[in-house]
PDB file of N, CA and C in Angstrom:
ATOM      1  N   UNK A   1       9.504  -9.508 -18.930  1.00  0.00           N
ATOM      2  CA  UNK A   1       8.083  -9.900 -18.187  1.00  0.00           C
ATOM      3  C   UNK A   1       7.169  -8.954 -18.065  1.00  0.00           C
ATOM      4  N   UNK A   2       5.668  -8.772 -18.108  1.00  0.00           N
ATOM      5  CA  UNK A   2       4.813  -7.901 -17.891  1.00  0.00           C
ATOM      6  C   UNK A   2       5.124  -7.448 -16.523  1.00  0.00           C
ATOM      7  N   UNK A   3       4.816  -6.317 -16.372  1.00  0.00           N
ATOM      8  CA  UNK A   3       4.739  -5.715 -15.044  1.00  0.00           C
ATOM      9  C   UNK A   3       3.742  -4.566 -14.903  1.00  0.00           C
ATOM     10  N   UNK A   4       2.448  -5.130 -13.993  1.00  0.00           N
ATOM     11  CA  UNK A   4       1.224  -4.211 -14.104  1.00  0.00           C
ATOM     12  C   UNK A   4       1.471  -3.067 -13.705  1.00  0.00           C
ATOM     13  N   UNK A   5       2.133  -2.533 -12.827  1.00  0.00           N
ATOM     14  CA  UNK A   5       2.367  -1.159 -12.160  1.00  0.00           C
ATOM     15  C   UNK A   5       2.827  -0.253 -13.318  1.00  0.00           C
ATOM     16  N   UNK A   6       4.151  -0.643 -13.888  1.00  0.00           N
ATOM     17  CA  UNK A   6       4.539  -0.210 -15.255  1.00  0.00           C
ATOM     18  C   UNK A   6       3.537   0.075 -16.313  1.00  0.00           C
ATOM     19  N   UNK A   7       2.800  -1.019 -16.678  1.00  0.00           N
ATOM     20  CA  UNK A   7       1.809  -0.915 -17.572  1.00  0.00           C
ATOM     21  C   UNK A   7       0.913   0.262 -17.402  1.00  0.00           C
ATOM     22  N   UNK A   8       0.407   0.458 -16.091  1.00  0.00           N
ATOM     23  CA  UNK A   8      -0.452   1.560 -15.896  1.00  0.00           C
ATOM     24  C   UNK A   8       0.155   2.538 -16.015  1.00  0.00           C
ATOM     25  N   UNK A   9       1.258   2.876 -15.195  1.00  0.00           N
ATOM     26  CA  UNK A   9       1.895   4.416 -15.361  1.00  0.00           C
ATOM     27  C   UNK A   9       2.057   4.539 -16.526  1.00  0.00           C
ATOM     28  N   UNK A  10       2.509   3.785 -17.525  1.00  0.00           N
ATOM     29  CA  UNK A  10       2.885   4.059 -18.871  1.00  0.00           C
ATOM     30  C   UNK A  10       1.581   4.921 -19.797  1.00  0.00           C
ATOM     31  N   UNK A  11       0.643   4.213 -18.871  1.00  0.00           N
ATOM     32  CA  UNK A  11      -0.964   4.980 -19.781  1.00  0.00           C
ATOM     33  C   UNK A  11      -1.376   6.265 -19.193  1.00  0.00           C
ATOM     34  N   UNK A  12      -0.993   6.305 -18.170  1.00  0.00           N
ATOM     35  CA  UNK A  12      -1.251   7.541 -17.391  1.00  0.00           C
ATOM     36  C   UNK A  12      -0.816   8.888 -18.168  1.00  0.00           C
ATOM     37  N   UNK A  13      -1.938   9.921 -18.312  1.00  0.00           N
ATOM     38  CA  UNK A  13      -1.355  10.962 -18.551  1.00  0.00           C
ATOM     39  C   UNK A  13      -0.694  12.113 -17.651  1.00  0.00           C
ATOM     40  N   UNK A  14       0.193  12.164 -17.187  1.00  0.00           N
ATOM     41  CA  UNK A  14       0.804  12.966 -16.201  1.00  0.00           C
ATOM     42  C   UNK A  14       2.055  13.463 -16.585  1.00  0.00           C
ATOM     43  N   UNK A  15       2.515  14.634 -16.442  1.00  0.00           N
ATOM     44  CA  UNK A  15       3.792  15.458 -16.522  1.00  0.00           C
ATOM     45  C   UNK A  15       4.816  14.951 -15.795  1.00  0.00           C
ATOM     46  N   UNK A  16       4.811  14.267 -14.662  1.00  0.00           N
ATOM     47  CA  UNK A  16       5.690  13.945 -13.838  1.00  0.00           C
ATOM     48  C   UNK A  16       5.483  12.697 -13.524  1.00  0.00           C
ATOM     49  N   UNK A  17       6.163  11.628 -14.090  1.00  0.00           N
ATOM     50  CA  UNK A  17       6.021  10.326 -13.855  1.00  0.00           C
ATOM     51  C   UNK A  17       6.640   9.938 -12.910  1.00  0.00           C
ATOM     52  N   UNK A  18       7.774  10.828 -12.262  1.00  0.00           N
ATOM     53  CA  UNK A  18       8.475  10.281 -11.005  1.00  0.00           C
ATOM     54  C   UNK A  18       7.644  10.383  -9.822  1.00  0.00           C
ATOM     55  N   UNK A  19       6.850  11.058  -9.822  1.00  0.00           N
ATOM     56  CA  UNK A  19       5.840  11.087  -8.465  1.00  0.00           C
ATOM     57  C   UNK A  19       5.037   9.678  -8.631  1.00  0.00           C
ATOM     58  N   UNK A  20       4.859   8.967  -9.596  1.00  0.00           N
ATOM     59  CA  UNK A  20       4.105   7.573  -9.733  1.00  0.00           C
ATOM     60  C   UNK A  20       5.062   6.728  -9.162  1.00  0.00           C
ATOM     61  N   UNK A  21       6.419   6.881  -8.884  1.00  0.00           N
ATOM     62  CA  UNK A  21       7.410   5.573  -8.339  1.00  0.00           C
ATOM     63  C   UNK A  21       7.489   5.820  -6.849  1.00  0.00           C
ATOM     64  N   UNK A  22       6.749   6.406  -6.203  1.00  0.00           N
ATOM     65  CA  UNK A  22       6.947   6.500  -4.443  1.00  0.00           C
ATOM     66  C   UNK A  22       6.658   5.466  -4.089  1.00  0.00           C
ATOM     67  N   UNK A  23       5.261   5.008  -4.467  1.00  0.00           N
ATOM     68  CA  UNK A  23       4.668   3.626  -3.903  1.00  0.00           C
ATOM     69  C   UNK A  23       3.506   3.070  -4.604  1.00  0.00           C
ATOM     70  N   UNK A  24       3.205   1.959  -4.273  1.00  0.00           N
ATOM     71  CA  UNK A  24       2.180   1.027  -4.909  1.00  0.00           C
ATOM     72  C   UNK A  24       1.208   0.595  -3.915  1.00  0.00           C
ATOM     73  N   UNK A  25      -0.044   0.361  -4.505  1.00  0.00           N
ATOM     74  CA  UNK A  25      -1.062  -0.083  -3.427  1.00  0.00           C
ATOM     75  C   UNK A  25      -1.940  -0.904  -4.192  1.00  0.00           C
ATOM     76  N   UNK A  26      -2.439  -2.229  -3.942  1.00  0.00           N
ATOM     77  CA  UNK A  26      -3.695  -3.007  -4.614  1.00  0.00           C
ATOM     78  C   UNK A  26      -4.395  -3.046  -3.395  1.00  0.00           C
ATOM     79  N   UNK A  27      -5.688  -3.192  -3.605  1.00  0.00           N
ATOM     80  CA  UNK A  27      -6.601  -3.228  -2.624  1.00  0.00           C
ATOM     81  C   UNK A  27      -7.542  -4.542  -3.643  1.00  0.00           C
ATOM     82  N   UNK A  28      -7.229  -5.753  -2.722  1.00  0.00           N
ATOM     83  CA  UNK A  28      -8.336  -6.837  -3.589  1.00  0.00           C
ATOM     84  C   UNK A  28      -9.282  -7.127  -2.702  1.00  0.00           C
ATOM     85  N   UNK A  29     -10.578  -6.392  -3.358  1.00  0.00           N
ATOM     86  CA  UNK A  29     -11.981  -7.061  -2.522  1.00  0.00           C
ATOM     87  C   UNK A  29     -11.900  -6.630  -1.160  1.00  0.00           C
ATOM     88  N   UNK A  30     -11.291  -5.551  -0.830  1.00  0.00           N
ATOM     89  CA  UNK A  30     -11.459  -5.082   0.759  1.00  0.00           C
ATOM     90  C   UNK A  30     -10.849  -6.196   1.544  1.00  0.00           C
ATOM     91  N   UNK A  31     -10.171  -7.243   0.997  1.00  0.00           N
ATOM     92  CA  UNK A  31      -9.809  -8.146   1.994  1.00  0.00           C
ATOM     93  C   UNK A  31      -8.345  -8.303   1.809  1.00  0.00           C
ATOM     94  N   UNK A  32      -7.567  -7.814   1.106  1.00  0.00           N
ATOM     95  CA  UNK A  32      -6.123  -7.887   1.080  1.00  0.00           C
ATOM     96  C   UNK A  32      -5.700  -6.640   0.636  1.00  0.00           C
ATOM     97  N   UNK A  33      -4.444  -6.279   1.370  1.00  0.00           N
ATOM     98  CA  UNK A  33      -3.711  -5.005   0.628  1.00  0.00           C
ATOM     99  C   UNK A  33      -2.130  -5.223   0.528  1.00  0.00           C
ATOM    100  N   UNK A  34      -1.793  -4.866  -0.850  1.00  0.00           N
ATOM    101  CA  UNK A  34      -0.501  -5.497  -1.004  1.00  0.00           C
ATOM    102  C   UNK A  34       0.047  -3.749  -1.121  1.00  0.00           C
ATOM    103  N   UNK A  35       1.240  -3.905  -0.934  1.00  0.00           N
ATOM    104  CA  UNK A  35       1.946  -2.587  -0.826  1.00  0.00           C
ATOM    105  C   UNK A  35       3.708  -2.596  -1.334  1.00  0.00           C
ATOM    106  N   UNK A  36       3.892  -2.003  -2.165  1.00  0.00           N
ATOM    107  CA  UNK A  36       5.163  -1.837  -2.653  1.00  0.00           C
ATOM    108  C   UNK A  36       5.470  -0.297  -2.128  1.00  0.00           C
ATOM    109  N   UNK A  37       6.871  -0.267  -1.751  1.00  0.00           N
ATOM    110  CA  UNK A  37       7.826   0.784  -1.519  1.00  0.00           C
ATOM    111  C   UNK A  37       7.406   1.430  -0.004  1.00  0.00           C
ATOM    112  N   UNK A  38       7.042   0.334   0.852  1.00  0.00           N
ATOM    113  CA  UNK A  38       6.949   1.199   2.421  1.00  0.00           C
ATOM    114  C   UNK A  38       8.166   1.257   3.100  1.00  0.00           C
ATOM    115  N   UNK A  39       8.391   2.083   4.048  1.00  0.00           N
ATOM    116  CA  UNK A  39       9.466   2.329   4.510  1.00  0.00           C
ATOM    117  C   UNK A  39       9.635   2.284   6.151  1.00  0.00           C
ATOM    118  N   UNK A  40       8.778   1.328   6.500  1.00  0.00           N
ATOM    119  CA  UNK A  40       8.266   0.828   7.893  1.00  0.00           C
ATOM    120  C   UNK A  40       7.224   1.123   8.544  1.00  0.00           C
ATOM    121  N   UNK A  41       6.622   0.135   9.438  1.00  0.00           N
ATOM    122  CA  UNK A  41       5.567   0.549  10.266  1.00  0.00           C
ATOM    123  C   UNK A  41       5.852   1.311  11.092  1.00  0.00           C
ATOM    124  N   UNK A  42       4.164   1.928  11.240  1.00  0.00           N
ATOM    125  CA  UNK A  42       3.905   2.964  12.311  1.00  0.00           C
ATOM    126  C   UNK A  42       3.023   2.438  13.600  1.00  0.00           C
ATOM    127  N   UNK A  43       2.247   1.891  12.863  1.00  0.00           N
ATOM    128  CA  UNK A  43       0.804   1.306  14.058  1.00  0.00           C
ATOM    129  C   UNK A  43       0.655  -0.147  13.673  1.00  0.00           C
ATOM    130  N   UNK A  44       0.540  -0.861  14.604  1.00  0.00           N
ATOM    131  CA  UNK A  44      -0.011  -2.365  14.381  1.00  0.00           C
ATOM    132  C   UNK A  44      -0.978  -2.718  15.147  1.00  0.00           C
ATOM    133  N   UNK A  45      -2.225  -2.694  14.820  1.00  0.00           N
ATOM    134  CA  UNK A  45      -3.170  -3.596  15.700  1.00  0.00           C
ATOM    135  C   UNK A  45      -4.259  -4.252  14.906  1.00  0.00           C
ATOM    136  N   UNK A  46      -5.316  -4.565  15.375  1.00  0.00           N
ATOM    137  CA  UNK A  46      -6.216  -5.070  14.906  1.00  0.00           C
ATOM    138  C   UNK A  46      -7.097  -4.504  13.983  1.00  0.00           C
ATOM    139  N   UNK A  47      -7.345  -3.224  14.400  1.00  0.00           N
ATOM    140  CA  UNK A  47      -8.347  -2.140  13.777  1.00  0.00           C
ATOM    141  C   UNK A  47      -7.480  -1.083  12.625  1.00  0.00           C
ATOM    142  N   UNK A  48      -6.218  -1.006  13.372  1.00  0.00           N
ATOM    143  CA  UNK A  48      -5.565   0.007  12.190  1.00  0.00           C
ATOM    144  C   UNK A  48      -3.887  -0.437  12.169  1.00  0.00           C
ATOM    145  N   UNK A  49      -3.709  -0.546  11.094  1.00  0.00           N
ATOM    146  CA  UNK A  49      -1.818  -0.838  10.483  1.00  0.00           C
ATOM    147  C   UNK A  49      -1.447   0.464   9.660  1.00  0.00           C
ATOM    148  N   UNK A  50      -0.701   1.338  10.011  1.00  0.00           N
ATOM    149  CA  UNK A  50       0.043   2.226   9.242  1.00  0.00           C
ATOM    150  C   UNK A  50       1.094   2.156   8.825  1.00  0.00           C
ATOM    151  N   UNK A  51       1.949   2.549   7.669  1.00  0.00           N
ATOM    152  CA  UNK A  51       3.325   2.343   7.609  1.00  0.00           C
ATOM    153  C   UNK A  51       3.713   3.610   6.662  1.00  0.00           C
ATOM    154  N   UNK A  52       4.823   4.063   6.918  1.00  0.00           N
ATOM    155  CA  UNK A  52       5.807   5.232   6.291  1.00  0.00           C
ATOM    156  C   UNK A  52       5.898   4.541   4.735  1.00  0.00           C
ATOM    157  N   UNK A  53       5.854   5.804   3.827  1.00  0.00           N
ATOM    158  CA  UNK A  53       6.111   5.907   2.511  1.00  0.00           C
ATOM    159  C   UNK A  53       6.872   7.076   2.263  1.00  0.00           C
ATOM    160  N   UNK A  54       7.422   7.184   1.136  1.00  0.00           N
ATOM    161  CA  UNK A  54       8.408   8.393   0.845  1.00  0.00           C
ATOM    162  C   UNK A  54       7.308   9.660   0.890  1.00  0.00           C
ATOM    163  N   UNK A  55       7.480  10.568   1.952  1.00  0.00           N
ATOM    164  CA  UNK A  55       6.862  11.924   1.951  1.00  0.00           C
ATOM    165  C   UNK A  55       5.392  11.880   2.412  1.00  0.00           C
ATOM    166  N   UNK A  56       5.012  10.645   2.957  1.00  0.00           N
ATOM    167  CA  UNK A  56       3.454  10.261   3.504  1.00  0.00           C
ATOM    168  C   UNK A  56       3.545   9.065   4.499  1.00  0.00           C
ATOM    169  N   UNK A  57       2.165   8.922   4.809  1.00  0.00           N
ATOM    170  CA  UNK A  57       2.148   7.970   5.782  1.00  0.00           C
ATOM    171  C   UNK A  57       0.572   6.990   5.404  1.00  0.00           C
ATOM    172  N   UNK A  58       0.744   5.980   5.168  1.00  0.00           N
ATOM    173  CA  UNK A  58      -0.576   5.172   4.884  1.00  0.00           C
ATOM    174  C   UNK A  58      -1.052   4.657   5.788  1.00  0.00           C
ATOM    175  N   UNK A  59      -2.504   4.796   6.273  1.00  0.00           N
ATOM    176  CA  UNK A  59      -3.364   4.153   7.190  1.00  0.00           C
ATOM    177  C   UNK A  59      -4.419   3.402   6.676  1.00  0.00           C
ATOM    178  N   UNK A  60      -4.451   2.377   7.085  1.00  0.00           N
ATOM    179  CA  UNK A  60      -5.354   1.236   6.938  1.00  0.00           C
ATOM    180  C   UNK A  60      -5.981   1.003   7.937  1.00  0.00           C
ATOM    181  N   UNK A  61      -7.628   1.466   7.927  1.00  0.00           N
ATOM    182  CA  UNK A  61      -8.185   0.827   8.964  1.00  0.00           C
ATOM    183  C   UNK A  61      -9.313  -0.358   8.453  1.00  0.00           C
ATOM    184  N   UNK A  62      -9.580  -1.118   9.557  1.00  0.00           N
ATOM    185  CA  UNK A  62     -10.644  -2.211   9.291  1.00  0.00           C
ATOM    186  C   UNK A  62     -11.032  -3.044  10.575  1.00  0.00           C
ATOM    187  N   UNK A  63     -11.041  -4.242  10.350  1.00  0.00           N
ATOM    188  CA  UNK A  63     -11.413  -5.152  11.431  1.00  0.00           C
ATOM    189  C   UNK A  63     -10.613  -6.594  11.357  1.00  0.00           C
ATOM    190  N   UNK A  64      -9.861  -6.934  12.561  1.00  0.00           N
ATOM    191  CA  UNK A  64      -9.118  -8.404  12.033  1.00  0.00           C
ATOM    192  C   UNK A  64      -8.234  -8.154  11.363  1.00  0.00           C
ATOM    193  N   UNK A  65      -7.389  -7.143  11.390  1.00  0.00           N
ATOM    194  CA  UNK A  65      -6.275  -6.632  10.629  1.00  0.00           C
ATOM    195  C   UNK A  65      -5.236  -7.562  10.619  1.00  0.00           C
ATOM    196  N   UNK A  66      -4.504  -8.310   9.688  1.00  0.00           N
ATOM    197  CA  UNK A  66      -3.136  -9.118  10.196  1.00  0.00           C
ATOM    198  C   UNK A  66      -2.094  -8.532   9.173  1.00  0.00           C
ATOM    199  N   UNK A  67      -0.978  -8.153   9.863  1.00  0.00           N
ATOM    200  CA  UNK A  67       0.164  -8.206   8.587  1.00  0.00           C
ATOM    201  C   UNK A  67       0.681  -9.581   8.578  1.00  0.00           C
ATOM    202  N   UNK A  68       0.219  -9.969   7.051  1.00  0.00           N
ATOM    203  CA  UNK A  68       0.516 -11.344   6.786  1.00  0.00           C
ATOM    204  C   UNK A  68       1.818 -11.611   6.144  1.00  0.00           C
ATOM    205  N   UNK A  69       2.739 -10.445   5.525  1.00  0.00           N
ATOM    206  CA  UNK A  69       3.829 -10.639   5.005  1.00  0.00           C
ATOM    207  C   UNK A  69       4.446  -9.449   5.207  1.00  0.00           C
ATOM    208  N   UNK A  70       6.127  -9.188   5.486  1.00  0.00           N
ATOM    209  CA  UNK A  70       6.607  -8.116   5.552  1.00  0.00           C
ATOM    210  C   UNK A  70       8.031  -8.429   5.011  1.00  0.00           C
ATOM    211  N   UNK A  71       8.374  -7.600   4.190  1.00  0.00           N
ATOM    212  CA  UNK A  71       9.610  -7.678   3.596  1.00  0.00           C
ATOM    213  C   UNK A  71      10.199  -6.288   3.432  1.00  0.00           C
ATOM    214  N   UNK A  72      11.410  -6.393   3.063  1.00  0.00           N
ATOM    215  CA  UNK A  72      12.345  -4.645   3.035  1.00  0.00           C
ATOM    216  C   UNK A  72      11.593  -3.908   2.451  1.00  0.00           C
ATOM    217  N   UNK A  73      10.858  -3.904   1.444  1.00  0.00           N
ATOM    218  CA  UNK A  73       9.762  -2.931   0.899  1.00  0.00           C
ATOM    219  C   UNK A  73       8.348  -3.322   0.476  1.00  0.00           C
ATOM    220  N   UNK A  74       7.894  -4.387   1.034  1.00  0.00           N
ATOM    221  CA  UNK A  74       6.889  -4.949   0.420  1.00  0.00           C
ATOM    222  C   UNK A  74       6.128  -5.534   1.684  1.00  0.00           C
ATOM    223  N   UNK A  75       4.648  -5.271   1.568  1.00  0.00           N
ATOM    224  CA  UNK A  75       3.833  -5.995   2.842  1.00  0.00           C
ATOM    225  C   UNK A  75       2.533  -6.382   2.185  1.00  0.00           C
ATOM    226  N   UNK A  76       2.087  -7.357   2.927  1.00  0.00           N
ATOM    227  CA  UNK A  76       0.510  -7.825   2.780  1.00  0.00           C
ATOM    228  C   UNK A  76      -0.099  -7.548   3.831  1.00  0.00           C
ATOM    229  N   UNK A  77      -1.285  -6.920   3.919  1.00  0.00           N
ATOM    230  CA  UNK A  77      -2.213  -6.834   5.001  1.00  0.00           C
ATOM    231  C   UNK A  77      -3.690  -7.775   4.785  1.00  0.00           C
ATOM    232  N   UNK A  78      -3.939  -8.412   5.650  1.00  0.00           N
ATOM    233  CA  UNK A  78      -5.102  -9.354   5.200  1.00  0.00           C
ATOM    234  C   UNK A  78      -6.077  -8.983   6.500  1.00  0.00           C
ATOM    235  N   UNK A  79      -7.649  -9.134   6.207  1.00  0.00           N
ATOM    236  CA  UNK A  79      -8.617  -8.886   7.274  1.00  0.00           C
ATOM    237  C   UNK A  79      -9.564  -7.855   6.473  1.00  0.00           C
ATOM    238  N   UNK A  80     -10.782  -7.438   7.031  1.00  0.00           N
ATOM    239  CA  UNK A  80     -11.630  -6.739   6.609  1.00  0.00           C
ATOM    240  C   UNK A  80     -11.320  -5.164   6.487  1.00  0.00           C
ATOM    241  N   UNK A  81     -10.928  -4.735   5.357  1.00  0.00           N
ATOM    242  CA  UNK A  81     -10.243  -3.259   5.012  1.00  0.00           C
ATOM    243  C   UNK A  81     -11.340  -2.632   4.764  1.00  0.00           C
ATOM    244  N   UNK A  82     -11.639  -1.761   5.512  1.00  0.00           N
ATOM    245  CA  UNK A  82     -12.950  -0.568   5.618  1.00  0.00           C
ATOM    246  C   UNK A  82     -12.276   0.763   4.686  1.00  0.00           C
ATOM    247  N   UNK A  83     -11.001   0.999   4.882  1.00  0.00           N
ATOM    248  CA  UNK A  83     -10.190   2.553   4.696  1.00  0.00           C
ATOM    249  C   UNK A  83      -8.739   2.433   4.367  1.00  0.00           C
ATOM    250  N   UNK A  84      -8.316   3.128   3.391  1.00  0.00           N
ATOM    251  CA  UNK A  84      -7.285   3.064   3.074  1.00  0.00           C
ATOM    252  C   UNK A  84      -6.728   4.939   2.959  1.00  0.00           C
ATOM    253  N   UNK A  85      -6.033   5.510   3.691  1.00  0.00           N
ATOM    254  CA  UNK A  85      -5.605   6.632   3.530  1.00  0.00           C
ATOM    255  C   UNK A  85      -4.178   7.177   3.483  1.00  0.00           C
ATOM    256  N   UNK A  86      -3.939   8.237   2.559  1.00  0.00           N
ATOM    257  CA  UNK A  86      -2.542   8.578   2.724  1.00  0.00           C
ATOM    258  C   UNK A  86      -2.663  10.198   3.482  1.00  0.00           C
ATOM    259  N   UNK A  87      -1.672  10.251   4.258  1.00  0.00           N
ATOM    260  CA  UNK A  87      -1.533  11.450   5.167  1.00  0.00           C
ATOM    261  C   UNK A  87      -0.192  12.001   5.029  1.00  0.00           C
TER     262      UNK A  87
END
């Protein structure tokens, strides 16, 4: 089966491919954010949703944000996504 993330990672010119296996994010038109590899929520509000990933926290800022799906290691955020930042 075709795996979008694996295909992209194979085409990248990097010396340490293990760094690419920490987490994956897909931002679809600033309306949906899909994440793989999260390790738990930190903040949950209509303006900010943040979650832990290995060695960092991802902060999603926007308007009318909703945590639409949450599983053991994936999540989906819907709303008007204005900014996504890793700290």
